[in-house]
């Protein structure tokens, strides 16, 4: 085959990526829920006829990588498809139930098989969980919401009302769900139109040839990068705090074995599957591997393709927390366990690429959900958000403060939107100074967000790094753990990392997120022992909150223990 012009290949890559970007803009503008409209908790991508990821918008890493595995699993059905497919079943191509995925085939006129697939995945704050919380501490998949096996969401190109009504009959916020789902469908329709236009404009053979070339070049780039790895086995382990039902810490482990431009990532030594929702499916593990190696493979790797995964073998043990047997609950695995998979991958890669790997970032998405009946708007509501924290320091610079990191790439919910749409008031939203680990380069600080509840509601926290610290590297100190607290009647109560509780008018919920780990031993010049540390329960108006034991709240601070660093 004649060698293709690399500049033209990059132009084609950008053209197809622009299709994914336009899909994302349509999804955002046409959606109703703040989680999609404001926080951008969705992703869009384009796949070729073989199910290879060829382009994506810069959205959520945990979505994009897992969609690669999803499309591969469903490819035999997709290659016969002419309708848009919808699914969320984690054991049949999904990630966790709130992530509803739509895949639309792009079929040339006069052809029978698809030439491309356009897909989007969006997080829905209400998917019909058994309990009142939209983010339940579930023990089995069915308790986490309605399970949708791969199903035709359109009939002859038109919305399949029967499938839509099945979803709406299982949720309480049906207006949001209907608008968001039709927005997802509209995004895919536009993506299919744009890809059809590109085929007509560039020609089928020209377009497919350049996309095949970029897959090959990405594979070669990854092989060249992996060829710099020393041969041998490199192991690292870390832990999740617990599974929400008292079992923990939960060990996650990876062994990397590099050889001749290939890499095996073996997670088999990770713990058995757990009772709570911290289990995660192999597709999410694939997301973490793709994300980490894409970040390291070179500065132009803003666009990932399936070619990057070709030299990589990923092993998980059936029955483990990273490859559970159905019907194990997996709701938090997509959000929390995925972050720890990144942590152990980076810890192992620090042994391979010293001087290039950051210390641990906060290692949690700090998932928070509220649900109840809003008396002002006379409707049931669900609110879901993830909170930012500190990132790990690098050898040449400190970590960033109060940002989303690694497997999430969402925005915060603007306070004005939150207070207008929900019976909540935000009293504090600030940087948690001093929470980053000390070192030659300091870890980034977390944040503090304090809510006042205006009417009775149910709150659920699915958070981690409340007892296990984000690790430092090369003598850098650990980042501080996160803290969850309830303030009521002048007293405060320390809450566990994973809990569902009822809050009443006037009560407050405070989340202080973890800081990132430090890098390198601190010199005398960088010693910041006098640095002010913000505690989660310190009242900015001077009220004397007391703990249940009668201890002044401003003595609460953080856990000061220093558990041994994971190995």
Protein backbone atom coordinates (compact mmCIF):
# COMPACT_ATOMS: atom_id res chain seq x y z
CA UNK A 1 0.00 0.00 0.00
CA UNK A 2 1.26 3.46 -0.89
CA UNK A 3 2.48 5.44 2.10
CA UNK A 4 -0.01 8.13 3.14
CA UNK A 5 0.91 11.72 3.85
CA UNK A 6 1.12 12.03 7.68
CA UNK A 7 -0.08 15.63 7.52
CA UNK A 8 -3.23 14.56 5.70
CA UNK A 9 -3.73 11.77 8.21
CA UNK A 10 -3.66 14.29 11.05
CA UNK A 11 -6.11 16.52 9.17
CA UNK A 12 -8.47 13.57 8.81
CA UNK A 13 -8.06 12.80 12.53
CA UNK A 14 -9.02 16.40 13.35
CA UNK A 15 -12.00 16.33 11.00
CA UNK A 16 -13.40 13.19 12.61
CA UNK A 17 -12.64 14.54 16.10
CA UNK A 18 -14.64 17.65 15.20
CA UNK A 19 -17.63 15.39 14.62
CA UNK A 20 -17.32 14.08 18.19
CA UNK A 21 -16.93 17.65 19.49
CA UNK A 22 -20.08 18.77 17.69
CA UNK A 23 -21.96 15.80 19.11
CA UNK A 24 -20.89 16.90 22.59
CA UNK A 25 -22.06 20.46 22.03
CA UNK A 26 -25.48 19.28 20.89
CA UNK A 27 -25.82 16.93 23.85
CA UNK A 28 -24.91 19.68 26.29
CA UNK A 29 -27.20 22.32 24.81
CA UNK A 30 -30.20 20.03 24.37
CA UNK A 31 -30.01 18.38 27.82
CA UNK A 32 -31.94 19.39 30.92
CA UNK A 33 -30.17 17.94 33.96
CA UNK A 34 -27.41 20.05 35.57
CA UNK A 35 -25.15 17.00 35.68
CA UNK A 36 -25.03 16.89 31.89
CA UNK A 37 -25.76 20.53 31.02
CA UNK A 38 -23.48 22.18 33.60
CA UNK A 39 -21.00 19.52 34.74
CA UNK A 40 -20.51 17.94 31.30
CA UNK A 41 -20.69 14.39 32.65
CA UNK A 42 -20.79 12.77 29.22
CA UNK A 43 -18.51 11.64 26.40
CA UNK A 44 -18.76 11.24 22.63
CA UNK A 45 -16.69 9.17 20.21
CA UNK A 46 -16.43 7.73 16.70
CA UNK A 47 -15.54 4.09 15.92
CA UNK A 48 -14.71 2.39 12.63
CA UNK A 49 -16.44 -0.70 11.24
CA UNK A 50 -14.13 -3.00 13.24
CA UNK A 51 -15.07 -1.27 16.50
CA UNK A 52 -11.77 0.62 16.73
CA UNK A 53 -11.87 4.02 18.44
CA UNK A 54 -10.70 6.56 15.83
CA UNK A 55 -11.68 9.89 17.42
CA UNK A 56 -13.27 11.40 20.49
CA UNK A 57 -13.98 14.72 22.14
CA UNK A 58 -11.96 15.67 25.21
CA UNK A 59 -14.48 14.47 27.74
CA UNK A 60 -14.36 11.82 30.51
CA UNK A 61 -11.47 9.29 30.52
CA UNK A 62 -13.46 6.62 32.36
CA UNK A 63 -16.17 6.82 29.68
CA UNK A 64 -13.91 6.81 26.64
CA UNK A 65 -11.76 3.82 27.50
CA UNK A 66 -14.69 1.73 28.68
CA UNK A 67 -16.60 2.49 25.48
CA UNK A 68 -13.74 0.87 23.55
CA UNK A 69 -14.33 -2.37 25.45
CA UNK A 70 -18.11 -1.96 25.14
CA UNK A 71 -18.06 -1.60 21.35
CA UNK A 72 -15.74 -4.60 21.00
CA UNK A 73 -18.06 -6.75 23.09
CA UNK A 74 -21.14 -5.73 21.09
CA UNK A 75 -19.47 -5.67 17.67
CA UNK A 76 -21.11 -8.84 16.24
CA UNK A 77 -24.53 -7.30 16.88
CA UNK A 78 -23.50 -3.79 15.84
CA UNK A 79 -22.20 -4.99 12.47
CA UNK A 80 -25.76 -6.10 11.63
CA UNK A 81 -27.40 -3.02 13.14
CA UNK A 82 -29.29 -0.28 11.36
CA UNK A 83 -30.90 1.22 14.47
CA UNK A 84 -29.53 3.13 17.46
CA UNK A 85 -28.67 0.80 20.32
CA UNK A 86 -29.10 1.76 23.99
CA UNK A 87 -27.64 -0.07 26.99
CA UNK A 88 -26.25 0.33 30.49
CA UNK A 89 -25.80 -3.26 31.69
CA UNK A 90 -22.22 -3.42 33.04
CA UNK A 91 -22.09 -7.13 32.31
CA UNK A 92 -23.14 -6.61 28.67
CA UNK A 93 -21.02 -3.67 27.57
CA UNK A 94 -21.80 -0.93 30.10
CA UNK A 95 -19.76 0.60 32.91
CA UNK A 96 -22.31 1.26 35.66
CA UNK A 97 -26.07 1.75 35.46
CA UNK A 98 -26.22 5.58 35.56
CA UNK A 99 -24.12 5.73 32.37
CA UNK A 100 -26.58 5.27 29.51
CA UNK A 101 -24.84 4.61 26.19
CA UNK A 102 -26.28 5.15 22.72
CA UNK A 103 -24.54 3.73 19.62
CA UNK A 104 -25.70 4.64 16.12
CA UNK A 105 -24.46 2.91 12.94
CA UNK A 106 -23.39 5.02 9.97
CA UNK A 107 -24.49 3.15 6.85
CA UNK A 108 -23.77 4.32 3.31
CA UNK A 109 -26.71 4.48 0.94
CA UNK A 110 -27.06 1.17 -0.85
CA UNK A 111 -24.87 -0.68 1.68
CA UNK A 112 -25.98 -3.25 4.25
CA UNK A 113 -23.24 -3.04 6.87
CA UNK A 114 -22.15 0.02 8.88
CA UNK A 115 -19.01 1.89 7.89
CA UNK A 116 -18.71 3.71 11.23
CA UNK A 117 -20.40 3.95 14.60
CA UNK A 118 -21.00 7.14 16.58
CA UNK A 119 -21.56 6.80 20.31
CA UNK A 120 -22.16 8.82 23.42
CA UNK A 121 -22.29 7.94 27.09
CA UNK A 122 -23.93 10.21 29.68
CA UNK A 123 -24.37 9.94 33.44
CA UNK A 124 -28.01 10.16 34.56
CA UNK A 125 -28.56 11.26 38.15
CA UNK A 126 -31.63 9.02 38.49
CA UNK A 127 -31.77 5.55 37.01
CA UNK A 128 -34.41 4.03 39.28
CA UNK A 129 -32.37 2.74 42.20
CA UNK A 130 -34.28 0.56 44.63
CA UNK A 131 -33.68 2.90 47.56
CA UNK A 132 -34.53 6.60 47.64
CA UNK A 133 -30.93 7.60 47.03
CA UNK A 134 -29.83 7.85 43.38
CA UNK A 135 -26.43 6.58 44.52
CA UNK A 136 -27.29 3.59 46.73
CA UNK A 137 -25.00 1.49 48.87
CA UNK A 138 -26.24 -1.54 47.01
CA UNK A 139 -25.31 -5.21 47.32
CA UNK A 140 -26.53 -6.36 43.89
CA UNK A 141 -26.91 -4.82 40.47
CA UNK A 142 -30.72 -4.77 40.44
CA UNK A 143 -30.75 -2.55 43.56
CA UNK A 144 -28.72 0.07 41.69
CA UNK A 145 -31.43 0.80 39.12
CA UNK A 146 -33.05 -0.34 35.92
CA UNK A 147 -30.82 -2.68 33.91
CA UNK A 148 -30.97 -2.15 30.15
CA UNK A 149 -29.50 -4.90 28.01
CA UNK A 150 -28.48 -3.80 24.49
CA UNK A 151 -31.81 -2.79 22.92
CA UNK A 152 -32.94 -0.92 19.80
CA UNK A 153 -33.72 2.65 20.88
CA UNK A 154 -35.11 3.50 17.44
CA UNK A 155 -37.48 1.79 15.00
CA UNK A 156 -37.02 2.77 11.36
CA UNK A 157 -34.96 5.69 12.59
CA UNK A 158 -37.65 6.98 14.96
CA UNK A 159 -37.58 6.93 18.76
CA UNK A 160 -38.78 3.63 20.21
CA UNK A 161 -41.37 4.92 22.70
CA UNK A 162 -41.77 1.50 24.31
CA UNK A 163 -38.13 1.44 25.44
CA UNK A 164 -38.25 5.08 26.56
CA UNK A 165 -41.41 4.48 28.59
CA UNK A 166 -39.83 1.44 30.24
CA UNK A 167 -37.02 3.68 31.49
CA UNK A 168 -39.33 6.53 32.53
CA UNK A 169 -41.61 4.15 34.44
CA UNK A 170 -38.66 3.17 36.62
CA UNK A 171 -37.44 6.66 37.59
CA UNK A 172 -38.85 9.59 39.56
CA UNK A 173 -37.30 12.46 37.59
CA UNK A 174 -38.88 11.40 34.31
CA UNK A 175 -38.86 14.88 32.73
CA UNK A 176 -35.08 15.14 33.05
CA UNK A 177 -34.55 11.61 31.81
CA UNK A 178 -36.73 12.04 28.73
CA UNK A 179 -35.07 15.30 27.70
CA UNK A 180 -31.55 14.00 28.36
CA UNK A 181 -32.16 10.77 26.44
CA UNK A 182 -33.61 12.58 23.44
CA UNK A 183 -30.60 14.92 23.59
CA UNK A 184 -28.32 11.88 23.42
CA UNK A 185 -30.24 10.59 20.42
CA UNK A 186 -30.04 13.99 18.70
CA UNK A 187 -26.28 14.09 19.27
CA UNK A 188 -25.83 10.71 17.60
CA UNK A 189 -28.04 11.67 14.68
CA UNK A 190 -25.91 14.73 14.04
CA UNK A 191 -22.75 12.65 14.35
CA UNK A 192 -24.05 10.14 11.80
CA UNK A 193 -24.98 12.98 9.43
CA UNK A 194 -21.52 14.53 9.71
CA UNK A 195 -19.74 11.22 9.14
CA UNK A 196 -21.90 10.58 6.08
CA UNK A 197 -20.93 14.02 4.78
CA UNK A 198 -17.24 13.24 5.35
CA UNK A 199 -17.54 10.00 3.39
CA UNK A 200 -19.12 11.89 0.50
CA UNK A 201 -16.56 14.70 0.69
CA UNK A 202 -13.36 12.67 1.07
CA UNK A 203 -14.36 9.36 -0.44
CA UNK A 204 -14.81 6.08 1.40
CA UNK A 205 -11.40 4.63 0.56
CA UNK A 206 -9.56 7.88 1.30
CA UNK A 207 -11.24 8.40 4.68
CA UNK A 208 -10.94 4.78 5.81
CA UNK A 209 -7.36 4.59 4.57
CA UNK A 210 -6.24 7.56 6.64
CA UNK A 211 -8.11 6.33 9.73
CA UNK A 212 -6.46 2.94 9.36
CA UNK A 213 -3.12 4.72 9.04
CA UNK A 214 -3.63 6.68 12.26
CA UNK A 215 -4.45 3.46 14.12
CA UNK A 216 -1.23 1.95 12.80
CA UNK A 217 0.83 5.01 13.69
CA UNK A 218 -0.63 5.17 17.20
CA UNK A 219 0.25 1.50 17.65
CA UNK A 220 3.81 2.15 16.48
CA UNK A 221 4.10 5.17 18.78
CA UNK A 222 3.00 3.09 21.77
CA UNK A 223 5.39 0.26 20.87
CA UNK A 224 8.26 2.74 20.61
CA UNK A 225 7.35 4.17 24.00
CA UNK A 226 7.07 0.73 25.63
CA UNK A 227 10.42 -0.28 24.11
CA UNK A 228 12.07 2.22 26.48
CA UNK A 229 10.83 0.25 29.50
CA UNK A 230 13.34 -1.98 31.28
CA UNK A 231 12.41 -5.63 31.13
CA UNK A 232 11.18 -7.24 34.32
CA UNK A 233 8.20 -7.29 36.66
CA UNK A 234 7.17 -4.15 38.56
CA UNK A 235 4.49 -4.46 41.23
CA UNK A 236 2.58 -1.87 43.21
CA UNK A 237 -0.44 -2.12 45.50
CA UNK A 238 -2.73 0.34 47.22
CA UNK A 239 -6.07 0.10 48.98
CA UNK A 240 -9.62 1.36 48.94
CA UNK A 241 -10.82 2.33 52.42
CA UNK A 242 -13.74 -0.14 52.54
CA UNK A 243 -16.70 -1.43 50.55
CA UNK A 244 -19.38 0.48 52.46
CA UNK A 245 -20.37 -2.57 54.51
CA UNK A 246 -17.44 -2.76 56.90
CA UNK A 247 -15.11 -4.85 54.77
CA UNK A 248 -11.77 -3.20 54.16
CA UNK A 249 -9.26 -2.07 53.33
CA UNK A 250 -9.70 -3.52 49.84
CA UNK A 251 -6.39 -4.32 48.15
CA UNK A 252 -5.73 -3.48 44.51
CA UNK A 253 -2.51 -4.65 42.91
CA UNK A 254 -0.88 -4.53 39.49
CA UNK A 255 2.24 -6.15 38.08
CA UNK A 256 3.67 -4.64 34.91
CA UNK A 257 5.82 -6.78 32.64
CA UNK A 258 7.45 -5.07 29.66
CA UNK A 259 9.10 -6.96 26.83
CA UNK A 260 10.07 -5.92 23.31
CA UNK A 261 7.65 -3.03 22.94
CA UNK A 262 4.73 -4.75 24.63
CA UNK A 263 3.28 -4.46 28.12
CA UNK A 264 1.29 -6.86 30.26
CA UNK A 265 -0.79 -5.31 33.06
CA UNK A 266 -1.73 -8.08 35.48
CA UNK A 267 -4.29 -7.16 38.16
CA UNK A 268 -4.89 -10.77 39.27
CA UNK A 269 -3.55 -10.24 42.80
CA UNK A 270 -6.32 -7.75 43.62
CA UNK A 271 -8.87 -8.64 46.29
CA UNK A 272 -11.90 -10.83 45.73
CA UNK A 273 -15.13 -9.08 44.79
CA UNK A 274 -16.77 -7.30 47.71
CA UNK A 275 -20.28 -7.05 49.10
CA UNK A 276 -20.66 -3.33 48.39
CA UNK A 277 -20.68 -1.39 45.09
CA UNK A 278 -16.89 -0.93 44.80
CA UNK A 279 -16.57 -3.76 42.27
CA UNK A 280 -15.85 -2.70 38.72
CA UNK A 281 -15.97 -4.41 35.34
CA UNK A 282 -12.89 -5.00 33.13
CA UNK A 283 -13.99 -2.28 30.70
CA UNK A 284 -13.32 0.31 33.39
CA UNK A 285 -9.88 -1.19 34.05
CA UNK A 286 -9.19 -0.78 30.34
CA UNK A 287 -10.14 2.89 30.69
CA UNK A 288 -7.57 3.43 33.42
CA UNK A 289 -4.79 1.71 31.47
CA UNK A 290 -5.55 3.68 28.30
CA UNK A 291 -5.70 6.95 30.22
CA UNK A 292 -2.39 6.49 32.04
CA UNK A 293 -0.39 5.32 29.03
CA UNK A 294 -1.97 7.93 26.77
CA UNK A 295 -0.82 10.64 29.19
CA UNK A 296 2.74 9.32 29.20
CA UNK A 297 3.23 8.34 25.57
CA UNK A 298 3.87 11.86 24.31
CA UNK A 299 2.71 15.48 24.25
CA UNK A 300 0.51 15.04 21.16
CA UNK A 301 -1.54 12.28 22.74
CA UNK A 302 -4.56 14.50 23.37
CA UNK A 303 -6.40 12.20 20.97
CA UNK A 304 -6.43 8.51 21.83
CA UNK A 305 -7.25 5.71 19.44
CA UNK A 306 -7.55 1.96 19.84
CA UNK A 307 -4.14 1.66 18.21
CA UNK A 308 -2.58 2.66 21.51
CA UNK A 309 -4.02 -0.47 23.15
CA UNK A 310 -2.78 -3.00 20.60
CA UNK A 311 0.61 -3.69 22.28
CA UNK A 312 -1.01 -3.95 25.74
CA UNK A 313 -2.41 -7.04 27.45
CA UNK A 314 -4.72 -6.51 30.43
CA UNK A 315 -5.39 -9.39 32.83
CA UNK A 316 -8.02 -9.45 35.57
CA UNK A 317 -9.08 -12.41 37.68
CA UNK A 318 -12.72 -13.54 37.42
CA UNK A 319 -14.39 -13.17 40.80
CA UNK A 320 -12.11 -10.32 41.84
CA UNK A 321 -13.04 -6.72 42.64
CA UNK A 322 -11.84 -5.82 39.12
CA UNK A 323 -13.78 -8.58 37.35
CA UNK A 324 -16.78 -9.47 39.50
CA UNK A 325 -19.33 -12.15 38.80
CA UNK A 326 -22.90 -10.93 38.25
CA UNK A 327 -25.04 -9.76 39.88
CA UNK A 328 -22.42 -7.98 42.02
CA UNK A 329 -23.03 -4.25 42.54
CA UNK A 330 -20.65 -2.04 40.56
CA UNK A 331 -22.08 1.48 40.96
CA UNK A 332 -19.09 3.01 42.74
CA UNK A 333 -16.45 1.00 40.92
CA UNK A 334 -16.70 3.21 37.86
CA UNK A 335 -16.10 6.28 40.05
CA UNK A 336 -13.95 5.23 43.00
CA UNK A 337 -12.19 1.99 42.11
CA UNK A 338 -11.15 3.39 38.74
CA UNK A 339 -9.23 6.14 40.55
CA UNK A 340 -7.32 3.61 42.62
CA UNK A 341 -6.48 1.61 39.51
CA UNK A 342 -4.80 4.77 38.20
CA UNK A 343 -2.93 5.15 41.50
CA UNK A 344 -1.46 1.65 41.36
CA UNK A 345 -0.55 1.96 37.69
CA UNK A 346 1.32 5.19 38.38
CA UNK A 347 2.97 3.65 41.44
CA UNK A 348 4.27 0.76 39.35
CA UNK A 349 5.34 3.06 36.52
CA UNK A 350 7.37 5.15 38.97
CA UNK A 351 9.68 2.13 39.23
CA UNK A 352 9.90 1.98 35.43
CA UNK A 353 10.14 5.70 34.64
CA UNK A 354 11.65 7.42 37.69
CA UNK A 355 11.42 11.18 37.49
CA UNK A 356 8.37 11.21 35.22
CA UNK A 357 5.52 10.03 37.44
CA UNK A 358 3.53 12.24 39.84
CA UNK A 359 2.70 11.38 43.41
CA UNK A 360 -0.84 10.21 44.08
CA UNK A 361 -3.68 12.64 43.46
CA UNK A 362 -6.72 12.71 45.73
CA UNK A 363 -7.78 9.26 44.51
CA UNK A 364 -11.53 9.74 44.85
CA UNK A 365 -14.35 11.50 43.05
CA UNK A 366 -16.06 12.45 46.34
CA UNK A 367 -19.47 11.38 45.04
CA UNK A 368 -22.37 13.24 46.62
CA UNK A 369 -26.08 12.80 45.94
CA UNK A 370 -29.21 14.43 47.37
CA UNK A 371 -32.78 13.29 46.72
CA UNK A 372 -36.21 14.33 47.94
CA UNK A 373 -39.34 16.28 47.14
CA UNK A 374 -38.79 19.97 46.42
CA UNK A 375 -41.69 21.91 47.96
CA UNK A 376 -40.78 25.07 46.04
CA UNK A 377 -40.98 23.49 42.60
CA UNK A 378 -43.47 20.79 43.62
CA UNK A 379 -41.43 17.99 42.14
CA UNK A 380 -39.11 15.15 43.08
CA UNK A 381 -35.44 15.92 42.54
CA UNK A 382 -32.09 14.17 42.42
CA UNK A 383 -28.80 16.04 42.61
CA UNK A 384 -25.46 14.40 41.88
CA UNK A 385 -21.97 15.86 41.90
CA UNK A 386 -18.34 14.90 42.24
CA UNK A 387 -15.98 17.23 44.09
CA UNK A 388 -12.47 18.18 43.10
CA UNK A 389 -9.32 17.76 45.21
CA UNK A 390 -5.56 18.02 45.08
CA UNK A 391 -3.30 16.45 42.47
CA UNK A 392 0.03 14.82 43.18
CA UNK A 393 3.25 16.79 42.86
CA UNK A 394 5.74 16.18 40.05
CA UNK A 395 9.53 16.32 40.29
CA UNK A 396 9.59 19.80 38.73
CA UNK A 397 6.38 21.41 39.99
CA UNK A 398 3.77 21.27 42.74
CA UNK A 399 0.39 19.65 42.39
CA UNK A 400 -2.69 21.61 41.41
CA UNK A 401 -5.28 22.60 44.00
CA UNK A 402 -9.01 21.89 43.90
CA UNK A 403 -9.28 20.32 40.44
CA UNK A 404 -10.81 17.15 39.06
CA UNK A 405 -8.13 14.65 38.17
CA UNK A 406 -7.47 11.40 36.36
CA UNK A 407 -10.61 9.44 35.48
CA UNK A 408 -13.00 12.37 35.77
CA UNK A 409 -12.97 15.56 33.74
CA UNK A 410 -16.19 17.23 34.83
CA UNK A 411 -16.92 20.76 35.99
CA UNK A 412 -18.49 21.77 39.28
CA UNK A 413 -22.16 22.69 39.54
CA UNK A 414 -22.32 26.50 39.70
CA UNK A 415 -23.65 27.62 43.07
CA UNK A 416 -26.29 29.79 41.38
CA UNK A 417 -27.65 26.79 39.49
CA UNK A 418 -27.51 24.53 42.52
CA UNK A 419 -29.37 26.94 44.80
CA UNK A 420 -31.96 27.75 42.14
CA UNK A 421 -32.72 24.14 41.24
CA UNK A 422 -32.51 22.42 44.63
CA UNK A 423 -33.47 23.12 48.29
CA UNK A 424 -29.84 23.70 49.24
CA UNK A 425 -27.64 26.62 50.21
CA UNK A 426 -23.86 26.64 49.80
CA UNK A 427 -22.22 28.27 52.82
CA UNK A 428 -18.59 27.57 51.98
CA UNK A 429 -16.66 26.68 48.87
CA UNK A 430 -12.96 27.20 49.41
CA UNK A 431 -9.50 25.79 49.03
CA UNK A 432 -8.50 23.47 51.86
CA UNK A 433 -5.12 25.00 52.56
CA UNK A 434 -2.43 22.74 53.93
CA UNK A 435 -4.02 19.47 52.84
CA UNK A 436 -1.43 18.71 50.15
CA UNK A 437 1.52 16.55 51.19
CA UNK A 438 4.74 18.39 51.98
CA UNK A 439 7.89 17.80 49.99
CA UNK A 440 10.42 19.40 47.71
CA UNK A 441 7.33 19.87 45.54
CA UNK A 442 4.11 20.12 47.48
CA UNK A 443 0.94 18.21 46.66
CA UNK A 444 -2.10 20.20 45.60
CA UNK A 445 -4.70 21.16 48.19
CA UNK A 446 -8.22 19.79 48.31
CA UNK A 447 -11.33 21.90 48.82
CA UNK A 448 -14.09 22.39 51.38
CA UNK A 449 -17.73 22.55 50.34
CA UNK A 450 -20.41 23.15 52.97
CA UNK A 451 -24.12 22.76 52.25
CA UNK A 452 -27.08 23.86 54.34
CA UNK A 453 -30.23 21.81 53.84
CA UNK A 454 -33.45 23.83 53.46
CA UNK A 455 -35.88 20.91 53.71
CA UNK A 456 -35.80 17.24 54.59
CA UNK A 457 -33.90 15.11 52.08
CA UNK A 458 -31.79 11.99 51.69
CA UNK A 459 -28.04 12.34 51.20
CA UNK A 460 -25.59 9.69 50.07
CA UNK A 461 -21.82 9.90 50.15
CA UNK A 462 -19.64 7.50 48.17
CA UNK A 463 -16.14 8.75 48.93
CA UNK A 464 -12.72 7.24 49.53
CA UNK A 465 -9.29 8.27 50.84
CA UNK A 466 -10.92 8.92 54.21
CA UNK A 467 -8.59 6.48 55.99
CA UNK A 468 -5.93 5.66 53.39
CA UNK A 469 -3.76 8.60 52.35
CA UNK A 470 -2.70 9.62 48.82
CA UNK A 471 0.93 8.49 48.70
CA UNK A 472 3.95 10.72 48.22
CA UNK A 473 7.03 9.79 46.18
CA UNK A 474 10.79 10.04 46.72
CA UNK A 475 10.41 11.16 50.33
CA UNK A 476 7.43 13.42 49.75
CA UNK A 477 4.74 13.18 52.41
CA UNK A 478 1.23 11.83 51.97
CA UNK A 479 -1.69 14.08 51.20
CA UNK A 480 -4.23 14.47 53.97
CA UNK A 481 -7.29 12.28 53.98
CA UNK A 482 -10.72 13.66 53.21
CA UNK A 483 -13.29 14.31 55.92
CA UNK A 484 -17.11 14.13 55.83
CA UNK A 485 -19.07 15.83 58.62
CA UNK A 486 -22.64 16.56 59.61
CA UNK A 487 -23.33 19.73 61.62
CA UNK A 488 -26.56 19.74 63.61
CA UNK A 489 -27.81 21.63 66.70
CA UNK A 490 -24.38 23.05 67.43
CA UNK A 491 -22.68 19.65 67.29
CA UNK A 492 -20.74 17.91 64.58
CA UNK A 493 -20.54 14.23 63.72
CA UNK A 494 -17.78 12.63 61.69
CA UNK A 495 -19.39 10.56 58.93
CA UNK A 496 -17.95 7.45 57.28
CA UNK A 497 -16.77 7.60 53.71
CA UNK A 498 -19.79 5.71 52.41
CA UNK A 499 -23.13 6.44 54.01
CA UNK A 500 -26.79 7.28 53.35
CA UNK A 501 -28.54 9.54 55.86
CA UNK A 502 -31.55 11.81 56.27
CA UNK A 503 -30.86 15.52 56.71
CA UNK A 504 -33.35 18.01 58.14
CA UNK A 505 -33.83 21.76 57.58
CA UNK A 506 -30.96 23.78 59.02
CA UNK A 507 -28.52 20.88 59.16
CA UNK A 508 -25.24 21.13 57.29
CA UNK A 509 -23.11 18.71 55.38
CA UNK A 510 -19.39 19.44 55.01
CA UNK A 511 -17.04 17.66 52.64
CA UNK A 512 -13.30 18.32 52.84
CA UNK A 513 -11.54 16.58 49.97
CA UNK A 514 -8.06 15.00 50.07
CA UNK A 515 -4.85 16.71 49.06
CA UNK A 516 -2.32 15.25 46.67
CA UNK A 517 0.93 13.60 47.71
CA UNK A 518 4.20 15.50 47.84
CA UNK A 519 7.31 14.75 45.78
CA UNK A 520 10.85 14.66 47.14
CA UNK A 521 12.14 15.42 50.61
CA UNK A 522 11.42 18.95 51.73
CA UNK A 523 14.45 21.21 52.20
CA UNK A 524 14.65 23.69 55.04
CA UNK A 525 13.65 26.46 52.62
CA UNK A 526 10.50 24.62 51.59
CA UNK A 527 9.53 23.64 55.15
CA UNK A 528 6.05 25.07 55.68
CA UNK A 529 5.33 24.10 59.26
CA UNK A 530 3.79 27.51 59.82
CA UNK A 531 1.38 27.15 56.93
CA UNK A 532 -2.25 27.60 57.91
CA UNK A 533 -4.35 24.45 57.69
CA UNK A 534 -8.07 24.79 57.01
CA UNK A 535 -10.22 22.31 58.92
CA UNK A 536 -13.53 21.18 57.49
CA UNK A 537 -15.68 22.15 60.46
CA UNK A 538 -14.19 25.57 61.24
CA UNK A 539 -17.09 28.04 61.14
CA UNK A 540 -16.30 31.20 59.23
CA UNK A 541 -18.83 33.13 61.32
CA UNK A 542 -17.39 32.06 64.64
CA UNK A 543 -20.17 29.76 65.83
CA UNK A 544 -18.94 27.28 68.42
CA UNK A 545 -19.85 23.93 66.92
CA UNK A 546 -19.13 21.08 69.33
CA UNK A 547 -18.42 17.46 68.60
CA UNK A 548 -20.63 14.76 70.11
CA UNK A 549 -17.92 14.26 72.68
CA UNK A 550 -17.97 17.97 73.50
CA UNK A 551 -14.67 18.78 71.78
CA UNK A 552 -14.46 22.19 70.08
CA UNK A 553 -14.93 21.75 66.36
CA UNK A 554 -11.80 23.66 65.43
CA UNK A 555 -9.75 20.89 67.03
CA UNK A 556 -11.24 18.31 64.66
CA UNK A 557 -8.89 18.76 61.75
CA UNK A 558 -7.64 15.70 59.95
CA UNK A 559 -6.54 12.22 60.81
CA UNK A 560 -2.88 12.48 61.74
CA UNK A 561 -2.01 8.83 61.37
CA UNK A 562 0.55 7.81 58.79
CA UNK A 563 -0.24 4.33 57.51
CA UNK A 564 2.62 2.57 55.82
CA UNK A 565 2.97 3.42 52.18
CA UNK A 566 1.47 0.80 49.84
CA UNK A 567 3.94 -1.49 48.22
